[in-house]
Each structure stands twice: as structure tokens, then as C-alpha cells.
Protein backbone atom coordinates (compact mmCIF):
# COMPACT_ATOMS: atom_id res chain seq x y z
CA MET A 1 45.84 -137.63 65.52
CA ASP A 2 43.47 -140.85 65.16
CA VAL A 3 42.05 -141.21 68.61
CA ALA A 4 40.47 -144.62 70.43
CA ALA A 5 36.92 -145.00 70.46
CA PRO A 6 35.55 -143.14 73.54
CA ALA A 7 37.92 -140.39 72.79
CA ARG A 8 36.42 -140.29 68.90
CA GLU A 9 32.82 -140.06 70.44
CA ARG A 10 33.75 -137.16 72.40
CA LEU A 11 35.35 -135.50 69.53
CA SER A 12 32.02 -136.28 67.48
CA GLU A 13 29.70 -135.08 69.97
CA ALA A 14 31.85 -131.74 70.54
CA PHE A 15 32.01 -131.43 66.41
CA ARG A 16 28.07 -131.84 66.47
CA GLU A 17 27.46 -129.58 69.54
CA ALA A 18 29.85 -126.82 67.83
CA TYR A 19 27.02 -126.18 64.87
CA GLU A 20 24.01 -127.18 66.62
CA VAL A 21 24.78 -124.40 69.67
CA ALA A 22 25.66 -122.02 66.88
CA GLY A 23 21.75 -122.87 65.22
CA LEU A 24 23.40 -124.33 62.12
CA SER A 25 22.56 -127.12 60.03
CA GLN A 26 24.89 -129.75 58.64
CA GLN A 27 23.91 -128.33 55.11
CA GLU A 28 24.58 -124.96 56.24
CA LEU A 29 27.92 -125.69 58.12
CA SER A 30 28.91 -127.41 54.96
CA ARG A 31 28.03 -124.82 52.67
CA ARG A 32 30.04 -122.43 55.02
CA ILE A 33 33.33 -124.61 55.11
CA GLY A 34 33.28 -126.28 51.61
CA VAL A 35 32.70 -129.91 52.59
CA ASP A 36 29.99 -132.11 51.35
CA GLN A 37 26.98 -132.17 53.80
CA THR A 38 27.55 -136.31 54.06
CA THR A 39 31.06 -135.71 55.27
CA ILE A 40 29.73 -133.42 58.03
CA SER A 41 27.30 -136.01 58.70
CA LYS A 42 30.04 -138.70 59.25
CA TYR A 43 31.80 -136.71 61.46
CA ALA A 44 28.97 -135.92 63.76
CA ARG A 45 27.97 -139.45 64.00
CA GLY A 46 31.74 -140.39 64.71
CA ALA A 47 31.87 -142.74 62.01
CA VAL A 48 34.86 -140.68 60.58
CA GLN A 49 37.23 -138.47 62.65
CA PRO A 50 37.36 -134.89 61.38
CA PRO A 51 40.79 -133.58 60.23
CA LEU A 52 42.42 -131.49 62.75
CA GLU A 53 42.93 -129.06 60.43
CA MET A 54 39.52 -128.71 59.77
CA LEU A 55 38.36 -127.70 63.19
CA PRO A 56 39.46 -124.12 63.43
CA LYS A 57 37.55 -123.70 59.82
CA VAL A 58 34.25 -125.09 61.56
CA GLU A 59 34.88 -122.86 64.73
CA ARG A 60 34.84 -119.81 62.64
CA ALA A 61 31.92 -120.71 60.76
CA CYS A 62 30.16 -121.28 63.99
CA GLY A 63 31.18 -118.25 65.67
CA HIS A 64 33.36 -120.15 68.44
CA LYS A 65 36.68 -119.40 69.73
CA LEU A 66 39.41 -121.31 68.31
CA GLY A 67 39.88 -124.62 70.32
CA TYR A 68 36.28 -124.61 71.15
CA ILE A 69 35.84 -128.13 69.71
CA LEU A 70 39.10 -129.75 71.33
CA ARG A 71 38.26 -127.86 74.74
CA ARG A 72 34.64 -129.43 74.83
CA ALA A 73 36.23 -132.84 73.83
CA GLY A 74 38.40 -132.55 76.92
CA PHE A 75 41.69 -132.51 74.89
CA VAL A 76 42.79 -129.26 75.60
CA GLU A 77 42.35 -126.92 78.55
CA ASP A 78 41.27 -123.16 77.63
CA ILE A 79 43.33 -120.92 75.98
CA ASP A 80 43.65 -117.27 76.06
CA THR A 81 42.87 -114.63 73.78
CA ARG A 82 46.66 -113.67 73.11
CA THR A 83 47.24 -117.68 72.29
CA ALA A 84 44.17 -117.86 70.06
CA ILE A 85 45.61 -114.91 67.82
CA LEU A 86 48.96 -116.08 67.52
CA ALA A 87 47.82 -119.56 66.65
CA ASP A 88 45.15 -118.57 64.09
CA PRO A 89 46.29 -119.91 60.74
CA ASP A 90 44.09 -117.49 58.37
CA LEU A 91 46.31 -114.42 59.39
CA SER A 92 49.61 -113.48 58.36
CA LEU A 93 52.64 -113.17 60.69
CA GLU A 94 52.40 -109.46 60.71
CA SER A 95 48.47 -109.49 61.30
CA ARG A 96 48.95 -111.77 64.25
CA GLN A 97 51.70 -109.35 65.69
CA ALA A 98 49.84 -106.32 65.29
CA LEU A 99 46.44 -107.88 66.76
CA VAL A 100 48.73 -109.13 69.75
CA ARG A 101 50.02 -105.48 70.13
CA SER A 102 46.66 -103.90 70.12
CA TYR A 103 45.10 -106.65 72.36
CA ASP A 104 48.18 -105.91 74.74
CA GLY A 105 47.74 -102.15 74.70
CA LEU A 106 43.71 -102.54 75.13
CA ARG A 107 44.63 -104.94 78.13
CA ALA A 108 46.86 -102.47 79.88
CA LEU A 109 44.39 -99.61 79.39
CA ALA A 110 41.72 -101.76 81.16
CA GLN A 111 44.02 -102.56 84.20
């Protein structure tokens, strides 16, 4: 998804905010996600749009919920925990299903 200039600015601001709020430098973020620091700088300045598939890696490296950057940029509304578990690309299908069952069970106990 290549976005128009104002939207790209919002995306770069949200990208930058993600690591700054987490207290990470560009260097530390680049180390955590395995990308060159100059690439992180380009994303943060809006010179280059970060690939969407990179955003979950950045969010996890910063300790944010899945979708944090897109929500902060105004592209999507908040997603619930169950949806975030199901959408996590780093989990196998079996792991996602087990986590959702556990989550649903805990939610039922809390009510």
C-alpha cells in the first residue's frame, strides 16, 4: 500500500513515535529488527514508506500491540486482543488457536 503524501507523513510520524515512546533509539530498533539504521531513519523521516509486513516486527520490538502504528496513523481502528492473536504472523495456526481458547476461557472466568 503506497499512500499519498499526507497519509505517508502520518505513517512516518506513527512509526517514529512507536520507537520513541518505547525509549528506543533508531540504532537499537534497527538491531532488534535486523534492518540498517539508515533505513529506519528514512522510514521515520517519511523519505521511504516502511513495508507493511515490517510494522508487526517494529511493534513487537517496541512492546506495542499489533496494529499500533496503523492505529496511530489513523488507518485502522483499535483491534481487540482476540483479533490480534489470530493475526499474529509469528504464531503457528495451532498456537493461535490454543491462545484464543485460553484467552476466551480467562475472559469467561472474569465475567
